[in-house]
């Protein structure tokens, strides 16, 4: 690879596009609150995977100081709670109780009750108003929209689905972050749970979430609240009108 100059140039251009995050050449654009946003379907998978590519490139090919590492850390911090709603988009990782995490992911098994407690159906499980009966620890949901808006809507597979490629960059990226922050005052995220992991989740408040304006989901929509807004926002909460 070191001697394949054309490949080196392609990776350099890719990393530069993401670190700049200014929309050039149909590239990603930074939201008002700092997420490097490429497209609405699971934007965190793109920003975090690109962050991993960027830090590997920085380690092996950038000899001078750069802003690549700080950009990558910013994307990681955003995903783990450094955002306007103090939401960690990884289920069950709540910063020692300081952050909210998704409680209604678009995931069949975690949204179905035990067999002796009832059936697993679209009406009860997919469209149910209550929190999922099981905590899907460690799964990363898709993330917010381009206005930094997200709500805990199980029917919204665009933002609340989980998938292997959403989690794929995290083991290496978190390992990099741990070594980077070991000697600094500011850590990236707080991963260590301060309680015994309970996989059975309480039902919580059984309130239907609001669907996006114009969304055509089969499940009924609820009213917007401060914690569960209707998306998109008119403007990012990190920007004034």
C-alpha atoms as a PDB file:
ATOM      1  CA  UNK A   1       0.000   0.000   0.000  1.00  0.00           C
ATOM      2  CA  UNK A   2       2.816   2.422   0.864  1.00  0.00           C
ATOM      3  CA  UNK A   3       4.039   2.220  -2.731  1.00  0.00           C
ATOM      4  CA  UNK A   4       0.551   2.444  -4.307  1.00  0.00           C
ATOM      5  CA  UNK A   5       0.451   6.197  -4.690  1.00  0.00           C
ATOM      6  CA  UNK A   6      -3.003   6.290  -6.286  1.00  0.00           C
ATOM      7  CA  UNK A   7      -4.513   4.419  -3.327  1.00  0.00           C
ATOM      8  CA  UNK A   8      -2.730   6.697  -0.905  1.00  0.00           C
ATOM      9  CA  UNK A   9      -4.180   9.726  -2.687  1.00  0.00           C
ATOM     10  CA  UNK A  10      -7.705   8.260  -2.629  1.00  0.00           C
ATOM     11  CA  UNK A  11      -7.598   7.608   1.113  1.00  0.00           C
ATOM     12  CA  UNK A  12      -6.112  11.045   1.743  1.00  0.00           C
ATOM     13  CA  UNK A  13      -8.942  12.651  -0.249  1.00  0.00           C
ATOM     14  CA  UNK A  14     -11.545  10.590   1.631  1.00  0.00           C
ATOM     15  CA  UNK A  15     -10.188  11.515   5.054  1.00  0.00           C
ATOM     16  CA  UNK A  16      -9.857  15.178   4.100  1.00  0.00           C
ATOM     17  CA  UNK A  17     -13.464  15.267   2.893  1.00  0.00           C
ATOM     18  CA  UNK A  18     -14.739  13.956   6.209  1.00  0.00           C
ATOM     19  CA  UNK A  19     -12.543  16.083   8.426  1.00  0.00           C
ATOM     20  CA  UNK A  20     -13.566  19.233   6.525  1.00  0.00           C
ATOM     21  CA  UNK A  21     -17.221  18.090   6.530  1.00  0.00           C
ATOM     22  CA  UNK A  22     -18.383  21.077   4.492  1.00  0.00           C
ATOM     23  CA  UNK A  23     -20.510  19.404   1.810  1.00  0.00           C
ATOM     24  CA  UNK A  24     -17.983  19.753  -1.020  1.00  0.00           C
ATOM     25  CA  UNK A  25     -18.414  17.242  -3.867  1.00  0.00           C
ATOM     26  CA  UNK A  26     -21.598  15.780  -2.333  1.00  0.00           C
ATOM     27  CA  UNK A  27     -19.691  14.980   0.840  1.00  0.00           C
ATOM     28  CA  UNK A  28     -20.861  15.092   4.453  1.00  0.00           C
ATOM     29  CA  UNK A  29     -22.057  18.286   6.123  1.00  0.00           C
ATOM     30  CA  UNK A  30     -21.656  19.188   9.772  1.00  0.00           C
ATOM     31  CA  UNK A  31     -24.880  19.557  11.726  1.00  0.00           C
ATOM     32  CA  UNK A  32     -25.366  22.499  14.050  1.00  0.00           C
ATOM     33  CA  UNK A  33     -24.280  20.384  17.012  1.00  0.00           C
ATOM     34  CA  UNK A  34     -21.231  18.801  15.388  1.00  0.00           C
ATOM     35  CA  UNK A  35     -22.197  15.486  13.796  1.00  0.00           C
ATOM     36  CA  UNK A  36     -20.647  14.924  10.384  1.00  0.00           C
ATOM     37  CA  UNK A  37     -23.816  13.957   8.513  1.00  0.00           C
ATOM     38  CA  UNK A  38     -23.863  12.102   5.183  1.00  0.00           C
ATOM     39  CA  UNK A  39     -27.382  10.713   4.844  1.00  0.00           C
ATOM     40  CA  UNK A  40     -30.466  10.224   6.974  1.00  0.00           C
ATOM     41  CA  UNK A  41     -30.428   6.420   7.228  1.00  0.00           C
ATOM     42  CA  UNK A  42     -28.186   5.643  10.207  1.00  0.00           C
ATOM     43  CA  UNK A  43     -25.762   8.568   9.924  1.00  0.00           C
ATOM     44  CA  UNK A  44     -23.654   7.389  12.878  1.00  0.00           C
ATOM     45  CA  UNK A  45     -22.403   4.359  10.962  1.00  0.00           C
ATOM     46  CA  UNK A  46     -20.851   6.646   8.357  1.00  0.00           C
ATOM     47  CA  UNK A  47     -19.327   9.166  10.739  1.00  0.00           C
ATOM     48  CA  UNK A  48     -17.879   6.541  13.096  1.00  0.00           C
ATOM     49  CA  UNK A  49     -16.538   4.282  10.355  1.00  0.00           C
ATOM     50  CA  UNK A  50     -14.952   7.301   8.690  1.00  0.00           C
ATOM     51  CA  UNK A  51     -13.504   8.321  12.043  1.00  0.00           C
ATOM     52  CA  UNK A  52     -11.815   4.927  12.292  1.00  0.00           C
ATOM     53  CA  UNK A  53     -10.415   5.208   8.758  1.00  0.00           C
ATOM     54  CA  UNK A  54      -9.158   8.689   9.630  1.00  0.00           C
ATOM     55  CA  UNK A  55      -7.285   7.720  12.808  1.00  0.00           C
ATOM     56  CA  UNK A  56      -5.659   4.704  11.137  1.00  0.00           C
ATOM     57  CA  UNK A  57      -4.549   6.972   8.294  1.00  0.00           C
ATOM     58  CA  UNK A  58      -3.260   9.549  10.768  1.00  0.00           C
ATOM     59  CA  UNK A  59      -1.255   6.953  12.678  1.00  0.00           C
ATOM     60  CA  UNK A  60       0.494   5.471   9.660  1.00  0.00           C
ATOM     61  CA  UNK A  61       0.797   8.315   7.174  1.00  0.00           C
ATOM     62  CA  UNK A  62       0.684  11.709   8.880  1.00  0.00           C
ATOM     63  CA  UNK A  63       3.999  12.601  10.418  1.00  0.00           C
ATOM     64  CA  UNK A  64       3.040  16.141  11.383  1.00  0.00           C
ATOM     65  CA  UNK A  65       0.438  17.272  13.865  1.00  0.00           C
ATOM     66  CA  UNK A  66      -3.083  17.310  12.406  1.00  0.00           C
ATOM     67  CA  UNK A  67      -6.668  17.854  13.488  1.00  0.00           C
ATOM     68  CA  UNK A  68      -7.737  14.396  12.341  1.00  0.00           C
ATOM     69  CA  UNK A  69      -7.655  12.844  15.805  1.00  0.00           C
ATOM     70  CA  UNK A  70      -9.644  15.630  17.440  1.00  0.00           C
ATOM     71  CA  UNK A  71     -12.260  15.439  14.683  1.00  0.00           C
ATOM     72  CA  UNK A  72     -12.591  11.684  15.153  1.00  0.00           C
ATOM     73  CA  UNK A  73     -12.880  12.091  18.931  1.00  0.00           C
ATOM     74  CA  UNK A  74     -15.604  14.667  18.405  1.00  0.00           C
ATOM     75  CA  UNK A  75     -17.667  12.216  16.376  1.00  0.00           C
ATOM     76  CA  UNK A  76     -17.204   9.563  19.035  1.00  0.00           C
ATOM     77  CA  UNK A  77     -18.167  11.942  21.834  1.00  0.00           C
ATOM     78  CA  UNK A  78     -21.285  12.990  19.954  1.00  0.00           C
ATOM     79  CA  UNK A  79     -22.398   9.358  19.608  1.00  0.00           C
ATOM     80  CA  UNK A  80     -21.851   8.733  23.314  1.00  0.00           C
ATOM     81  CA  UNK A  81     -23.676  11.720  24.764  1.00  0.00           C
ATOM     82  CA  UNK A  82     -21.942  14.971  23.839  1.00  0.00           C
ATOM     83  CA  UNK A  83     -25.024  16.209  21.972  1.00  0.00           C
ATOM     84  CA  UNK A  84     -27.954  18.519  22.779  1.00  0.00           C
ATOM     85  CA  UNK A  85     -30.168  15.839  24.315  1.00  0.00           C
ATOM     86  CA  UNK A  86     -27.429  14.114  26.324  1.00  0.00           C
ATOM     87  CA  UNK A  87     -28.256  10.861  24.559  1.00  0.00           C
ATOM     88  CA  UNK A  88     -25.818   7.994  24.316  1.00  0.00           C
ATOM     89  CA  UNK A  89     -26.832   6.253  21.106  1.00  0.00           C
ATOM     90  CA  UNK A  90     -25.344   2.978  22.368  1.00  0.00           C
ATOM     91  CA  UNK A  91     -28.075   1.141  24.260  1.00  0.00           C
ATOM     92  CA  UNK A  92     -27.386   0.668  27.961  1.00  0.00           C
ATOM     93  CA  UNK A  93     -24.284   2.898  28.062  1.00  0.00           C
ATOM     94  CA  UNK A  94     -25.642   5.758  30.138  1.00  0.00           C
ATOM     95  CA  UNK A  95     -22.518   7.397  31.547  1.00  0.00           C
ATOM     96  CA  UNK A  96     -23.250   6.177  35.051  1.00  0.00           C
ATOM     97  CA  UNK A  97     -26.858   7.342  34.885  1.00  0.00           C
ATOM     98  CA  UNK A  98     -26.038  10.816  33.519  1.00  0.00           C
ATOM     99  CA  UNK A  99     -27.257  10.115  29.984  1.00  0.00           C
ATOM    100  CA  UNK A 100     -30.359   8.812  28.271  1.00  0.00           C
ATOM    101  CA  UNK A 101     -30.079   5.771  26.030  1.00  0.00           C
ATOM    102  CA  UNK A 102     -32.549   4.276  23.516  1.00  0.00           C
ATOM    103  CA  UNK A 103     -35.231   2.149  25.151  1.00  0.00           C
ATOM    104  CA  UNK A 104     -37.267   1.273  22.044  1.00  0.00           C
ATOM    105  CA  UNK A 105     -34.845   0.096  19.341  1.00  0.00           C
ATOM    106  CA  UNK A 106     -36.179  -1.312  16.077  1.00  0.00           C
ATOM    107  CA  UNK A 107     -35.179  -4.880  16.941  1.00  0.00           C
ATOM    108  CA  UNK A 108     -37.552  -7.841  17.013  1.00  0.00           C
ATOM    109  CA  UNK A 109     -36.103  -9.997  19.806  1.00  0.00           C
ATOM    110  CA  UNK A 110     -35.599  -7.236  22.367  1.00  0.00           C
ATOM    111  CA  UNK A 111     -39.083  -5.840  21.753  1.00  0.00           C
ATOM    112  CA  UNK A 112     -40.858  -9.179  22.282  1.00  0.00           C
ATOM    113  CA  UNK A 113     -41.982 -10.273  25.768  1.00  0.00           C
ATOM    114  CA  UNK A 114     -41.129 -13.659  27.299  1.00  0.00           C
ATOM    115  CA  UNK A 115     -43.224 -16.425  25.792  1.00  0.00           C
ATOM    116  CA  UNK A 116     -45.256 -16.945  28.955  1.00  0.00           C
ATOM    117  CA  UNK A 117     -46.208 -13.254  29.052  1.00  0.00           C
ATOM    118  CA  UNK A 118     -47.869 -12.958  25.693  1.00  0.00           C
ATOM    119  CA  UNK A 119     -47.401 -13.062  21.953  1.00  0.00           C
ATOM    120  CA  UNK A 120     -44.915 -11.182  19.838  1.00  0.00           C
ATOM    121  CA  UNK A 121     -46.994  -9.243  17.352  1.00  0.00           C
ATOM    122  CA  UNK A 122     -46.799  -6.034  15.347  1.00  0.00           C
ATOM    123  CA  UNK A 123     -49.531  -4.433  17.393  1.00  0.00           C
ATOM    124  CA  UNK A 124     -48.038  -5.309  20.772  1.00  0.00           C
ATOM    125  CA  UNK A 125     -44.306  -5.309  20.075  1.00  0.00           C
ATOM    126  CA  UNK A 126     -43.464  -3.159  17.056  1.00  0.00           C
ATOM    127  CA  UNK A 127     -46.220  -0.622  17.700  1.00  0.00           C
ATOM    128  CA  UNK A 128     -46.316  -0.922  21.488  1.00  0.00           C
ATOM    129  CA  UNK A 129     -46.140   2.285  23.500  1.00  0.00           C
ATOM    130  CA  UNK A 130     -44.043   0.792  26.322  1.00  0.00           C
ATOM    131  CA  UNK A 131     -40.268   0.427  26.460  1.00  0.00           C
ATOM    132  CA  UNK A 132     -38.850  -2.837  25.129  1.00  0.00           C
ATOM    133  CA  UNK A 133     -38.892  -5.664  27.698  1.00  0.00           C
ATOM    134  CA  UNK A 134     -35.185  -6.410  27.140  1.00  0.00           C
ATOM    135  CA  UNK A 135     -32.097  -4.176  27.165  1.00  0.00           C
ATOM    136  CA  UNK A 136     -30.033  -4.722  24.014  1.00  0.00           C
ATOM    137  CA  UNK A 137     -26.751  -3.745  25.691  1.00  0.00           C
ATOM    138  CA  UNK A 138     -24.052  -2.425  23.402  1.00  0.00           C
ATOM    139  CA  UNK A 139     -26.113  -1.998  20.237  1.00  0.00           C
ATOM    140  CA  UNK A 140     -25.707   1.322  18.433  1.00  0.00           C
ATOM    141  CA  UNK A 141     -28.851   2.797  16.882  1.00  0.00           C
ATOM    142  CA  UNK A 142     -28.799   4.769  13.645  1.00  0.00           C
ATOM    143  CA  UNK A 143     -28.702   8.251  15.155  1.00  0.00           C
ATOM    144  CA  UNK A 144     -30.260  11.668  14.586  1.00  0.00           C
ATOM    145  CA  UNK A 145     -31.296  13.529  11.456  1.00  0.00           C
ATOM    146  CA  UNK A 146     -29.575  16.498   9.840  1.00  0.00           C
ATOM    147  CA  UNK A 147     -31.146  18.900  12.376  1.00  0.00           C
ATOM    148  CA  UNK A 148     -29.713  16.869  15.325  1.00  0.00           C
ATOM    149  CA  UNK A 149     -33.237  15.611  16.060  1.00  0.00           C
ATOM    150  CA  UNK A 150     -33.852  12.075  17.320  1.00  0.00           C
ATOM    151  CA  UNK A 151     -36.710  10.401  19.129  1.00  0.00           C
ATOM    152  CA  UNK A 152     -37.145   6.966  20.645  1.00  0.00           C
ATOM    153  CA  UNK A 153     -39.528   5.552  18.051  1.00  0.00           C
ATOM    154  CA  UNK A 154     -39.395   1.783  17.545  1.00  0.00           C
ATOM    155  CA  UNK A 155     -41.249   2.032  14.242  1.00  0.00           C
ATOM    156  CA  UNK A 156     -38.631   4.401  12.833  1.00  0.00           C
ATOM    157  CA  UNK A 157     -36.121   1.970  11.359  1.00  0.00           C
ATOM    158  CA  UNK A 158     -34.214   4.831   9.708  1.00  0.00           C
ATOM    159  CA  UNK A 159     -32.993   6.226  13.043  1.00  0.00           C
ATOM    160  CA  UNK A 160     -33.693   3.511  15.628  1.00  0.00           C
ATOM    161  CA  UNK A 161     -32.673   0.331  13.852  1.00  0.00           C
ATOM    162  CA  UNK A 162     -29.572  -1.571  15.015  1.00  0.00           C
ATOM    163  CA  UNK A 163     -27.181  -3.466  12.743  1.00  0.00           C
ATOM    164  CA  UNK A 164     -23.764  -5.109  12.683  1.00  0.00           C
ATOM    165  CA  UNK A 165     -22.223  -2.434  10.474  1.00  0.00           C
ATOM    166  CA  UNK A 166     -23.371   0.263  12.920  1.00  0.00           C
ATOM    167  CA  UNK A 167     -21.220  -1.371  15.610  1.00  0.00           C
ATOM    168  CA  UNK A 168     -18.404  -2.558  13.363  1.00  0.00           C
ATOM    169  CA  UNK A 169     -15.963   0.378  13.820  1.00  0.00           C
ATOM    170  CA  UNK A 170     -16.451   0.684  17.565  1.00  0.00           C
ATOM    171  CA  UNK A 171     -14.047  -1.913  19.046  1.00  0.00           C
ATOM    172  CA  UNK A 172     -11.049  -0.409  17.241  1.00  0.00           C
ATOM    173  CA  UNK A 173     -12.228   3.190  17.590  1.00  0.00           C
ATOM    174  CA  UNK A 174     -12.852   2.843  21.326  1.00  0.00           C
ATOM    175  CA  UNK A 175      -9.459   1.192  21.798  1.00  0.00           C
ATOM    176  CA  UNK A 176      -7.839   4.128  20.020  1.00  0.00           C
ATOM    177  CA  UNK A 177      -9.818   6.588  22.162  1.00  0.00           C
ATOM    178  CA  UNK A 178      -8.791   4.823  25.372  1.00  0.00           C
ATOM    179  CA  UNK A 179      -5.099   5.131  24.545  1.00  0.00           C
ATOM    180  CA  UNK A 180      -5.490   8.717  23.360  1.00  0.00           C
ATOM    181  CA  UNK A 181      -7.274   9.902  26.501  1.00  0.00           C
ATOM    182  CA  UNK A 182      -5.278   7.874  29.026  1.00  0.00           C
ATOM    183  CA  UNK A 183      -2.944  10.821  29.648  1.00  0.00           C
ATOM    184  CA  UNK A 184      -5.443  13.658  29.210  1.00  0.00           C
ATOM    185  CA  UNK A 185      -7.922  15.206  31.592  1.00  0.00           C
ATOM    186  CA  UNK A 186     -10.889  14.841  29.275  1.00  0.00           C
ATOM    187  CA  UNK A 187     -12.022  11.331  28.497  1.00  0.00           C
ATOM    188  CA  UNK A 188     -14.049  10.435  25.431  1.00  0.00           C
ATOM    189  CA  UNK A 189     -16.886   8.587  27.110  1.00  0.00           C
ATOM    190  CA  UNK A 190     -17.770   6.767  30.303  1.00  0.00           C
ATOM    191  CA  UNK A 191     -18.244   3.117  29.450  1.00  0.00           C
ATOM    192  CA  UNK A 192     -17.865   1.347  32.793  1.00  0.00           C
ATOM    193  CA  UNK A 193     -21.317   0.479  34.202  1.00  0.00           C
ATOM    194  CA  UNK A 194     -21.870   1.353  37.839  1.00  0.00           C
ATOM    195  CA  UNK A 195     -24.481  -1.311  38.383  1.00  0.00           C
ATOM    196  CA  UNK A 196     -25.147  -4.969  37.753  1.00  0.00           C
ATOM    197  CA  UNK A 197     -26.441  -5.463  34.231  1.00  0.00           C
ATOM    198  CA  UNK A 198     -30.132  -6.261  34.278  1.00  0.00           C
ATOM    199  CA  UNK A 199     -31.315  -7.443  30.908  1.00  0.00           C
ATOM    200  CA  UNK A 200     -34.997  -7.240  31.795  1.00  0.00           C
ATOM    201  CA  UNK A 201     -36.128  -3.654  31.294  1.00  0.00           C
ATOM    202  CA  UNK A 202     -38.986  -1.984  33.095  1.00  0.00           C
ATOM    203  CA  UNK A 203     -41.850  -0.923  30.864  1.00  0.00           C
ATOM    204  CA  UNK A 204     -41.414   2.734  31.777  1.00  0.00           C
ATOM    205  CA  UNK A 205     -43.980   5.274  30.655  1.00  0.00           C
ATOM    206  CA  UNK A 206     -46.187   3.709  28.012  1.00  0.00           C
ATOM    207  CA  UNK A 207     -46.495   6.699  25.703  1.00  0.00           C
ATOM    208  CA  UNK A 208     -46.589   6.490  21.921  1.00  0.00           C
ATOM    209  CA  UNK A 209     -43.695   8.383  20.308  1.00  0.00           C
ATOM    210  CA  UNK A 210     -44.381  10.970  17.605  1.00  0.00           C
ATOM    211  CA  UNK A 211     -43.593   9.970  14.028  1.00  0.00           C
ATOM    212  CA  UNK A 212     -41.767  12.305  11.684  1.00  0.00           C
ATOM    213  CA  UNK A 213     -43.926  14.773   9.820  1.00  0.00           C
ATOM    214  CA  UNK A 214     -45.268  12.941   6.772  1.00  0.00           C
ATOM    215  CA  UNK A 215     -43.932   9.512   7.831  1.00  0.00           C
ATOM    216  CA  UNK A 216     -45.968   6.559   6.571  1.00  0.00           C
ATOM    217  CA  UNK A 217     -45.428   4.030   9.375  1.00  0.00           C
ATOM    218  CA  UNK A 218     -48.100   1.429  10.109  1.00  0.00           C
ATOM    219  CA  UNK A 219     -47.996   2.186  13.845  1.00  0.00           C
ATOM    220  CA  UNK A 220     -50.042   5.008  15.404  1.00  0.00           C
ATOM    221  CA  UNK A 221     -48.245   8.243  16.255  1.00  0.00           C
ATOM    222  CA  UNK A 222     -48.137   9.999  19.629  1.00  0.00           C
ATOM    223  CA  UNK A 223     -47.751  13.603  20.658  1.00  0.00           C
ATOM    224  CA  UNK A 224     -44.394  15.365  20.714  1.00  0.00           C
ATOM    225  CA  UNK A 225     -42.713  16.050  24.084  1.00  0.00           C
ATOM    226  CA  UNK A 226     -39.478  17.688  25.185  1.00  0.00           C
ATOM    227  CA  UNK A 227     -37.797  14.281  25.488  1.00  0.00           C
ATOM    228  CA  UNK A 228     -39.405  12.838  22.371  1.00  0.00           C
ATOM    229  CA  UNK A 229     -39.765  15.644  19.808  1.00  0.00           C
ATOM    230  CA  UNK A 230     -41.240  15.411  16.346  1.00  0.00           C
ATOM    231  CA  UNK A 231     -38.509  15.494  13.738  1.00  0.00           C
ATOM    232  CA  UNK A 232     -37.088  17.298  11.908  1.00  0.00           C
ATOM    233  CA  UNK A 233     -36.510  20.509  13.837  1.00  0.00           C
ATOM    234  CA  UNK A 234     -36.942  23.802  11.993  1.00  0.00           C
ATOM    235  CA  UNK A 235     -33.305  24.446  12.862  1.00  0.00           C
ATOM    236  CA  UNK A 236     -30.630  22.760  14.935  1.00  0.00           C
ATOM    237  CA  UNK A 237     -30.939  23.357  18.696  1.00  0.00           C
ATOM    238  CA  UNK A 238     -27.282  24.416  18.650  1.00  0.00           C
ATOM    239  CA  UNK A 239     -28.027  27.287  16.281  1.00  0.00           C
ATOM    240  CA  UNK A 240     -30.182  30.362  16.754  1.00  0.00           C
ATOM    241  CA  UNK A 241     -32.899  31.278  14.262  1.00  0.00           C
END
